[in-house]
């Protein structure tokens, strides 16, 4: 049993002990009094369970209303020869009054306290048929009602402050959780940038060293092809293989250099949606037979972004093509959502205004253990390819001052999210 459960058990025990004390006070043999006291005790410790099927806003209303009704019934069966309004059990009305003070804000507290006071004062009318209301009796009745309101105000003040304090703690916890998420993302991007920088330098040096012997091999293969043009068809065919494979290696080296060299961005203020549309068209042209349903949702208040349109188109094209390949021949759905938003990363004190692009496919998704590695150079899960596509994508986005992250979508598939800062903000901040 947890500490919270134990605490509630003690409160329940105290409630039953308190009501048991009332049960042994006169009138003891009044069966209606005993039944009502038992009902009050059971309802007080289980009202939330009894009213669990009632929607939350009305649940509190029903709870207070039932307590007022039970208190009124108890007053009517604890009088003896005196009128009901003179019953010493009138203090039971503090139960619904305090409950209303804890459950409602000030207007609701005042309403339900007035309602409980009216229920108590309703016994005045049958009493006036037999008794005369003296000034002293009127004063005592007014004092009882005033104390109802006084107790309600005092309890409501502490309950309201407690709710406000709880709300502040909740907001603080949400802010800390969001800050932790932003910090984790910033740390992940910093680690990825460090790996990209180190591997980029390695790739640049290796590519330069490989390109020179490739040029010699290609030139030699072309000379052999010319000399063996008519002498030996098999040798000519093999020389052609050497030349074509050298071309393929040279293209691969060029991709390494594209990844390693600093990007020369040709920045202009651009609308992001036409760039995305061109990327979607490029993917459709490459996979015309794919059964992919593309659904787009573009917000109307998108700011312009300061980007190199060609490189950004390459970013979206690479990710969309990956989505097509992930969904495969069975097809699926690709959702493209673009919205204006802000982003706070790392040690930045101000929220950056920009555009968030979400590309969510219905493919198999990405295992959590691969999400950080997938942006590493040379990491790939495909049978073909060298694993530079997403590395180049990440580098381009970083060079634009944005960020990229990936997670499983709301259903199946993967969801890539991009942030590009707004053009006026990039211009104000200056080149990075």
Protein backbone atom coordinates (compact mmCIF):
# COMPACT_ATOMS: atom_id res chain seq x y z
CA UNK A 1 0.00 0.00 0.00
CA UNK A 2 1.41 3.40 -0.96
CA UNK A 3 1.72 6.36 1.38
CA UNK A 4 -1.10 8.17 -0.46
CA UNK A 5 -3.44 5.22 -0.08
CA UNK A 6 -2.55 4.95 3.62
CA UNK A 7 -3.27 8.66 4.13
CA UNK A 8 -6.71 8.36 2.56
CA UNK A 9 -7.44 5.31 4.74
CA UNK A 10 -6.68 7.35 7.86
CA UNK A 11 -8.94 10.17 6.67
CA UNK A 12 -11.72 7.69 6.00
CA UNK A 13 -11.24 6.26 9.47
CA UNK A 14 -11.44 9.71 11.05
CA UNK A 15 -14.62 10.49 9.13
CA UNK A 16 -16.29 7.32 10.36
CA UNK A 17 -15.10 7.97 13.93
CA UNK A 18 -16.49 11.52 13.80
CA UNK A 19 -19.87 10.35 12.53
CA UNK A 20 -19.92 7.51 15.06
CA UNK A 21 -19.54 10.15 17.78
CA UNK A 22 -22.56 11.99 16.40
CA UNK A 23 -24.49 8.71 16.27
CA UNK A 24 -24.20 8.15 20.06
CA UNK A 25 -25.43 11.65 20.86
CA UNK A 26 -29.15 12.32 21.39
CA UNK A 27 -31.46 11.44 19.84
CA UNK A 28 -29.87 7.99 19.81
CA UNK A 29 -32.96 5.93 18.96
CA UNK A 30 -33.98 8.05 15.98
CA UNK A 31 -33.45 5.52 13.19
CA UNK A 32 -33.71 8.14 10.45
CA UNK A 33 -30.87 10.11 12.04
CA UNK A 34 -28.62 7.03 12.17
CA UNK A 35 -29.36 6.09 8.54
CA UNK A 36 -28.68 9.63 7.35
CA UNK A 37 -25.41 9.82 9.31
CA UNK A 38 -24.30 6.51 7.81
CA UNK A 39 -25.21 7.76 4.33
CA UNK A 40 -23.29 11.01 4.91
CA UNK A 41 -20.21 9.08 6.03
CA UNK A 42 -20.25 6.64 3.14
CA UNK A 43 -20.90 9.36 0.58
CA UNK A 44 -18.20 11.62 1.97
CA UNK A 45 -15.49 8.96 1.60
CA UNK A 46 -16.70 7.59 -1.75
CA UNK A 47 -18.44 10.45 -3.58
CA UNK A 48 -15.90 10.48 -6.43
CA UNK A 49 -16.37 6.74 -6.96
CA UNK A 50 -20.16 6.94 -6.68
CA UNK A 51 -20.28 9.79 -9.21
CA UNK A 52 -17.51 8.43 -11.43
CA UNK A 53 -19.84 8.10 -14.43
CA UNK A 54 -20.89 11.77 -14.21
CA UNK A 55 -18.85 14.23 -16.34
CA UNK A 56 -16.35 16.18 -14.28
CA UNK A 57 -17.91 19.69 -14.23
CA UNK A 58 -21.27 18.31 -13.09
CA UNK A 59 -19.72 15.82 -10.68
CA UNK A 60 -18.79 18.54 -8.18
CA UNK A 61 -22.23 20.11 -8.48
CA UNK A 62 -23.97 16.82 -7.73
CA UNK A 63 -21.60 16.12 -4.83
CA UNK A 64 -22.33 19.42 -3.06
CA UNK A 65 -26.05 19.22 -3.84
CA UNK A 66 -26.36 15.73 -2.34
CA UNK A 67 -24.48 16.82 0.79
CA UNK A 68 -26.84 19.78 1.24
CA UNK A 69 -29.81 17.44 0.84
CA UNK A 70 -28.45 14.98 3.42
CA UNK A 71 -27.65 17.80 5.86
CA UNK A 72 -31.17 19.16 5.49
CA UNK A 73 -32.69 15.73 6.12
CA UNK A 74 -30.49 15.27 9.21
CA UNK A 75 -31.68 18.59 10.68
CA UNK A 76 -35.28 17.47 10.28
CA UNK A 77 -34.74 14.29 12.35
CA UNK A 78 -32.67 15.67 15.27
CA UNK A 79 -35.00 18.19 16.90
CA UNK A 80 -37.15 16.52 19.54
CA UNK A 81 -39.72 19.00 20.83
CA UNK A 82 -37.90 22.04 19.46
CA UNK A 83 -38.40 23.34 15.92
CA UNK A 84 -36.03 21.89 13.31
CA UNK A 85 -34.20 25.17 12.82
CA UNK A 86 -33.10 25.02 16.47
CA UNK A 87 -31.40 21.62 16.03
CA UNK A 88 -27.83 21.58 17.41
CA UNK A 89 -26.88 19.52 14.34
CA UNK A 90 -27.02 22.65 12.14
CA UNK A 91 -23.19 22.51 12.10
CA UNK A 92 -23.49 19.62 9.60
CA UNK A 93 -24.03 22.31 6.94
CA UNK A 94 -20.33 23.14 7.24
CA UNK A 95 -19.71 19.88 5.36
CA UNK A 96 -21.28 20.99 2.03
CA UNK A 97 -20.12 24.59 2.60
CA UNK A 98 -16.47 23.58 3.02
CA UNK A 99 -16.74 21.11 0.14
CA UNK A 100 -18.04 23.88 -2.15
CA UNK A 101 -15.26 26.19 -0.98
CA UNK A 102 -12.66 23.58 -1.94
CA UNK A 103 -14.22 22.58 -5.26
CA UNK A 104 -15.28 25.91 -6.78
CA UNK A 105 -13.90 29.38 -7.38
CA UNK A 106 -15.27 32.37 -5.44
CA UNK A 107 -18.56 32.81 -7.40
CA UNK A 108 -19.42 29.11 -7.13
CA UNK A 109 -18.44 29.07 -3.47
CA UNK A 110 -20.74 32.02 -2.71
CA UNK A 111 -23.64 30.47 -4.64
CA UNK A 112 -23.47 27.09 -2.91
CA UNK A 113 -22.96 28.66 0.53
CA UNK A 114 -26.05 30.77 -0.08
CA UNK A 115 -27.91 27.67 -1.27
CA UNK A 116 -26.93 25.73 1.88
CA UNK A 117 -27.95 28.70 4.05
CA UNK A 118 -31.31 28.88 2.25
CA UNK A 119 -31.85 25.15 2.82
CA UNK A 120 -31.18 25.63 6.54
CA UNK A 121 -33.36 28.75 6.77
CA UNK A 122 -36.19 26.93 5.00
CA UNK A 123 -37.01 25.36 8.38
CA UNK A 124 -37.84 28.85 9.65
CA UNK A 125 -41.20 28.92 7.86
CA UNK A 126 -42.81 25.87 9.57
CA UNK A 127 -41.35 27.06 12.88
CA UNK A 128 -43.08 30.45 12.55
CA UNK A 129 -46.42 28.66 12.46
CA UNK A 130 -45.97 27.61 16.10
CA UNK A 131 -43.29 29.92 17.53
CA UNK A 132 -42.48 33.62 17.49
CA UNK A 133 -39.12 34.79 16.18
CA UNK A 134 -37.51 36.96 18.82
CA UNK A 135 -34.76 39.52 18.09
CA UNK A 136 -32.31 37.28 19.92
CA UNK A 137 -33.31 34.30 17.77
CA UNK A 138 -32.97 36.35 14.60
CA UNK A 139 -29.51 37.49 15.69
CA UNK A 140 -28.42 33.91 16.40
CA UNK A 141 -29.76 32.73 13.03
CA UNK A 142 -27.94 35.55 11.22
CA UNK A 143 -24.70 34.70 13.06
CA UNK A 144 -24.98 31.05 12.02
CA UNK A 145 -25.43 32.00 8.37
CA UNK A 146 -22.59 34.54 8.55
CA UNK A 147 -20.29 31.90 9.99
CA UNK A 148 -21.20 29.63 7.08
CA UNK A 149 -19.95 32.31 4.69
CA UNK A 150 -16.92 33.12 6.87
CA UNK A 151 -15.80 29.48 6.90
CA UNK A 152 -16.39 29.20 3.15
CA UNK A 153 -14.32 32.32 2.40
CA UNK A 154 -11.40 31.21 4.59
CA UNK A 155 -11.32 27.69 3.13
CA UNK A 156 -11.80 28.97 -0.44
CA UNK A 157 -8.88 31.35 -0.05
CA UNK A 158 -6.51 28.56 0.91
CA UNK A 159 -7.95 26.16 -1.67
CA UNK A 160 -7.64 28.76 -4.44
CA UNK A 161 -4.07 29.55 -3.49
CA UNK A 162 -3.30 25.83 -3.39
CA UNK A 163 -4.76 25.38 -6.89
CA UNK A 164 -2.75 28.33 -8.19
CA UNK A 165 0.40 26.99 -6.62
CA UNK A 166 -0.27 23.55 -8.12
CA UNK A 167 -0.84 25.17 -11.52
CA UNK A 168 2.44 27.08 -11.21
CA UNK A 169 4.26 23.85 -10.32
CA UNK A 170 2.62 22.10 -13.27
CA UNK A 171 3.60 24.90 -15.66
CA UNK A 172 7.11 24.86 -14.24
CA UNK A 173 7.32 21.08 -14.69
CA UNK A 174 6.10 21.38 -18.29
CA UNK A 175 8.62 24.16 -18.95
CA UNK A 176 11.44 22.06 -17.46
CA UNK A 177 10.35 19.03 -19.50
CA UNK A 178 10.31 21.12 -22.69
CA UNK A 179 13.71 22.60 -21.80
CA UNK A 180 15.09 19.10 -21.26
CA UNK A 181 13.73 17.99 -24.64
CA UNK A 182 15.28 21.03 -26.32
CA UNK A 183 18.57 20.41 -24.51
CA UNK A 184 18.61 16.75 -25.53
CA UNK A 185 17.96 17.73 -29.14
CA UNK A 186 20.68 20.40 -29.00
CA UNK A 187 23.13 17.87 -27.54
CA UNK A 188 22.23 15.33 -30.21
CA UNK A 189 22.78 17.95 -32.92
CA UNK A 190 26.10 18.96 -31.37
CA UNK A 191 27.28 15.33 -31.32
CA UNK A 192 26.11 14.86 -34.89
CA UNK A 193 27.88 18.07 -36.01
CA UNK A 194 31.11 16.93 -34.39
CA UNK A 195 30.93 13.57 -36.12
CA UNK A 196 30.09 15.22 -39.42
CA UNK A 197 33.03 17.61 -39.12
CA UNK A 198 35.53 14.87 -38.30
CA UNK A 199 34.27 12.47 -40.94
CA UNK A 200 33.99 15.31 -43.44
CA UNK A 201 37.69 16.10 -43.07
CA UNK A 202 38.53 12.43 -43.43
CA UNK A 203 36.32 12.14 -46.50
CA UNK A 204 37.88 15.19 -48.13
CA UNK A 205 41.41 13.91 -47.70
CA UNK A 206 40.53 10.40 -48.80
CA UNK A 207 38.59 11.63 -51.83
CA UNK A 208 41.45 13.78 -53.05
CA UNK A 209 43.88 10.89 -52.67
CA UNK A 210 41.59 8.52 -54.56
CA UNK A 211 40.74 10.89 -57.41
CA UNK A 212 44.31 11.12 -58.74
CA UNK A 213 44.86 7.36 -59.25
CA UNK A 214 41.34 7.10 -60.66
CA UNK A 215 42.26 9.63 -63.33
CA UNK A 216 45.32 7.55 -64.25
CA UNK A 217 43.29 4.33 -64.37
CA UNK A 218 40.61 5.96 -66.52
CA UNK A 219 43.15 7.41 -68.94
CA UNK A 220 44.93 4.07 -69.24
CA UNK A 221 41.65 2.24 -69.84
CA UNK A 222 40.69 4.66 -72.59
CA UNK A 223 44.10 4.23 -74.30
CA UNK A 224 43.75 0.43 -74.10
CA UNK A 225 40.26 0.69 -75.56
CA UNK A 226 41.56 2.61 -78.56
CA UNK A 227 44.52 0.29 -79.20
CA UNK A 228 42.50 -2.89 -78.78
CA UNK A 229 39.52 -1.68 -80.76
CA UNK A 230 39.95 -4.26 -83.51
CA UNK A 231 42.56 -6.65 -82.11
CA UNK A 232 40.81 -8.26 -79.15
CA UNK A 233 37.06 -7.74 -78.53
CA UNK A 234 37.24 -9.34 -75.07
CA UNK A 235 40.08 -7.05 -73.97
CA UNK A 236 38.17 -4.07 -75.32
CA UNK A 237 35.08 -5.12 -73.37
CA UNK A 238 37.12 -5.47 -70.18
CA UNK A 239 38.68 -2.05 -70.75
CA UNK A 240 35.14 -0.66 -71.08
CA UNK A 241 34.22 -2.21 -67.75
CA UNK A 242 37.24 -0.58 -66.14
CA UNK A 243 36.28 2.81 -67.58
CA UNK A 244 32.63 2.59 -66.49
CA UNK A 245 33.55 1.46 -62.97
CA UNK A 246 36.04 4.30 -62.71
CA UNK A 247 33.25 6.70 -63.69
CA UNK A 248 31.09 5.25 -60.93
CA UNK A 249 33.90 5.58 -58.38
CA UNK A 250 34.56 9.12 -59.56
CA UNK A 251 30.89 9.99 -59.01
CA UNK A 252 31.12 8.52 -55.52
CA UNK A 253 34.22 10.58 -54.78
CA UNK A 254 32.37 13.68 -56.00
CA UNK A 255 29.62 12.94 -53.49
CA UNK A 256 32.23 12.63 -50.74
CA UNK A 257 33.63 16.01 -51.71
CA UNK A 258 30.16 17.54 -51.83
CA UNK A 259 29.66 16.33 -48.29
CA UNK A 260 33.09 17.43 -47.03
CA UNK A 261 33.54 20.86 -48.58
CA UNK A 262 31.97 23.94 -46.94
CA UNK A 263 28.63 24.76 -48.51
CA UNK A 264 28.47 27.89 -50.65
CA UNK A 265 24.91 28.96 -50.00
CA UNK A 266 23.12 31.18 -52.50
CA UNK A 267 20.59 32.58 -50.06
CA UNK A 268 17.37 34.29 -51.08
CA UNK A 269 14.04 34.89 -49.38
CA UNK A 270 11.86 32.06 -50.66
CA UNK A 271 8.44 30.58 -50.09
CA UNK A 272 8.94 27.05 -48.79
CA UNK A 273 5.88 25.45 -50.40
CA UNK A 274 6.99 25.71 -54.07
CA UNK A 275 10.30 24.08 -53.10
CA UNK A 276 8.43 21.21 -51.47
CA UNK A 277 6.17 20.82 -54.49
CA UNK A 278 9.20 20.53 -56.81
CA UNK A 279 10.67 17.87 -54.51
CA UNK A 280 7.40 15.91 -54.54
CA UNK A 281 7.30 16.11 -58.34
CA UNK A 282 10.91 14.88 -58.57
CA UNK A 283 10.02 11.87 -56.41
CA UNK A 284 6.91 11.10 -58.50
CA UNK A 285 8.96 11.33 -61.71
CA UNK A 286 11.50 8.89 -60.29
CA UNK A 287 8.81 6.48 -59.01
CA UNK A 288 5.93 6.93 -61.48
CA UNK A 289 4.54 3.46 -60.79
CA UNK A 290 4.46 3.92 -56.97
CA UNK A 291 1.01 3.73 -55.35
CA UNK A 292 1.61 6.62 -52.98
CA UNK A 293 -1.15 8.99 -51.85
CA UNK A 294 0.38 12.38 -51.07
CA UNK A 295 -1.65 14.66 -48.80
CA UNK A 296 -0.46 18.23 -48.19
CA UNK A 297 -1.56 20.74 -45.57
CA UNK A 298 0.06 24.16 -45.87
CA UNK A 299 -0.70 26.89 -43.35
CA UNK A 300 -1.70 30.27 -44.75
CA UNK A 301 0.53 32.42 -42.52
CA UNK A 302 3.91 31.03 -43.54
CA UNK A 303 6.82 33.49 -43.41
CA UNK A 304 9.44 33.54 -46.14
CA UNK A 305 12.67 31.68 -45.34
CA UNK A 306 16.20 32.67 -46.35
CA UNK A 307 17.44 29.54 -48.14
CA UNK A 308 19.36 28.18 -51.08
CA UNK A 309 16.39 26.88 -53.07
CA UNK A 310 18.37 24.21 -54.95
CA UNK A 311 19.93 22.76 -51.80
CA UNK A 312 16.61 22.81 -49.92
CA UNK A 313 14.94 21.05 -52.82
CA UNK A 314 17.70 18.42 -52.59
CA UNK A 315 16.93 18.02 -48.86
CA UNK A 316 13.23 17.37 -49.40
CA UNK A 317 13.79 15.25 -52.49
CA UNK A 318 16.17 12.92 -50.65
CA UNK A 319 13.77 12.45 -47.72
CA UNK A 320 10.71 11.98 -49.96
CA UNK A 321 12.55 9.41 -52.10
CA UNK A 322 13.56 7.57 -48.92
CA UNK A 323 9.88 7.55 -47.91
CA UNK A 324 8.90 6.13 -51.31
CA UNK A 325 11.53 3.41 -50.96
CA UNK A 326 10.44 2.61 -47.38
CA UNK A 327 6.80 2.16 -48.41
CA UNK A 328 7.87 0.02 -51.38
CA UNK A 329 5.68 -1.56 -54.01
CA UNK A 330 2.75 -1.95 -51.62
CA UNK A 331 2.36 1.82 -51.58
CA UNK A 332 1.06 3.94 -48.75
CA UNK A 333 0.44 7.52 -47.71
CA UNK A 334 2.78 10.50 -47.40
CA UNK A 335 1.53 13.44 -45.32
CA UNK A 336 3.23 16.80 -45.77
CA UNK A 337 2.42 19.43 -43.13
CA UNK A 338 3.89 22.94 -43.17
CA UNK A 339 3.23 25.43 -40.39
CA UNK A 340 4.64 28.64 -38.97
CA UNK A 341 6.22 28.12 -35.61
CA UNK A 342 8.94 29.10 -33.20
CA UNK A 343 11.95 27.11 -32.03
CA UNK A 344 14.18 27.51 -28.99
CA UNK A 345 17.45 25.59 -29.06
CA UNK A 346 20.52 25.40 -26.87
CA UNK A 347 21.45 28.64 -25.11
CA UNK A 348 19.28 30.90 -27.26
CA UNK A 349 17.20 33.22 -25.12
CA UNK A 350 14.63 34.16 -27.76
CA UNK A 351 12.32 31.97 -29.70
CA UNK A 352 13.17 31.92 -33.38
CA UNK A 353 10.32 32.42 -35.80
CA UNK A 354 10.33 30.19 -38.84
CA UNK A 355 8.70 27.32 -40.69
CA UNK A 356 8.31 23.70 -39.60
CA UNK A 357 7.94 21.04 -42.28
CA UNK A 358 6.76 17.53 -41.35
CA UNK A 359 7.06 14.60 -43.75
CA UNK A 360 5.30 11.53 -42.39
CA UNK A 361 5.07 8.26 -44.31
CA UNK A 362 3.19 5.04 -43.60
CA UNK A 363 6.21 2.77 -44.00
CA UNK A 364 7.71 0.45 -41.37
CA UNK A 365 9.17 3.29 -39.29
CA UNK A 366 12.64 3.66 -37.83
CA UNK A 367 13.84 1.70 -34.76
CA UNK A 368 14.70 4.04 -31.86
CA UNK A 369 18.27 2.76 -31.69
CA UNK A 370 18.92 3.87 -35.29
CA UNK A 371 17.51 7.40 -35.10
CA UNK A 372 20.74 9.05 -33.98
CA UNK A 373 23.01 6.94 -36.18
CA UNK A 374 21.01 7.45 -39.36
CA UNK A 375 22.53 10.91 -39.93
CA UNK A 376 26.08 9.54 -39.65
CA UNK A 377 28.06 9.39 -42.91
CA UNK A 378 28.35 5.91 -44.43
CA UNK A 379 25.51 4.53 -42.26
CA UNK A 380 22.78 2.84 -44.27
CA UNK A 381 20.31 -0.02 -43.93
CA UNK A 382 19.92 -0.39 -47.71
CA UNK A 383 21.60 -3.07 -49.75
CA UNK A 384 22.82 -0.43 -52.17
CA UNK A 385 24.14 3.04 -51.44
CA UNK A 386 26.91 4.43 -49.28
CA UNK A 387 24.88 6.18 -46.58
CA UNK A 388 25.62 9.78 -47.45
CA UNK A 389 22.12 10.96 -48.36
CA UNK A 390 20.84 11.84 -44.90
CA UNK A 391 24.27 13.08 -43.83
CA UNK A 392 24.22 15.61 -46.65
CA UNK A 393 20.60 16.50 -45.77
CA UNK A 394 21.59 17.14 -42.15
CA UNK A 395 24.59 19.22 -43.19
CA UNK A 396 22.52 21.39 -45.54
CA UNK A 397 19.89 22.02 -42.86
CA UNK A 398 22.60 22.88 -40.29
CA UNK A 399 24.22 25.28 -42.75
CA UNK A 400 20.87 27.07 -43.07
CA UNK A 401 20.67 27.55 -39.29
CA UNK A 402 17.80 25.09 -38.93
CA UNK A 403 17.38 21.67 -37.38
CA UNK A 404 16.08 18.23 -38.28
CA UNK A 405 14.79 15.41 -36.11
CA UNK A 406 13.04 12.13 -36.74
CA UNK A 407 10.59 9.99 -34.80
CA UNK A 408 7.93 7.41 -35.42
CA UNK A 409 4.72 9.01 -36.64
CA UNK A 410 1.37 9.05 -34.88
CA UNK A 411 0.54 5.77 -36.64
CA UNK A 412 2.97 3.60 -38.58
CA UNK A 413 5.92 5.02 -40.43
CA UNK A 414 8.53 7.69 -39.80
CA UNK A 415 8.10 11.43 -39.35
CA UNK A 416 10.89 13.83 -40.38
CA UNK A 417 10.59 17.36 -38.99
CA UNK A 418 12.57 20.31 -40.35
CA UNK A 419 12.86 23.85 -39.04
CA UNK A 420 14.06 26.74 -41.19
CA UNK A 421 14.31 30.21 -39.59
CA UNK A 422 12.35 33.07 -41.10
CA UNK A 423 14.10 35.30 -43.63
CA UNK A 424 13.84 38.53 -41.61
CA UNK A 425 15.36 36.78 -38.58
CA UNK A 426 18.29 35.37 -40.57
CA UNK A 427 18.85 38.81 -42.09
CA UNK A 428 18.75 40.46 -38.66
CA UNK A 429 21.11 37.90 -37.15
CA UNK A 430 23.55 38.16 -40.04
CA UNK A 431 25.43 35.35 -41.78
CA UNK A 432 26.29 32.36 -39.67
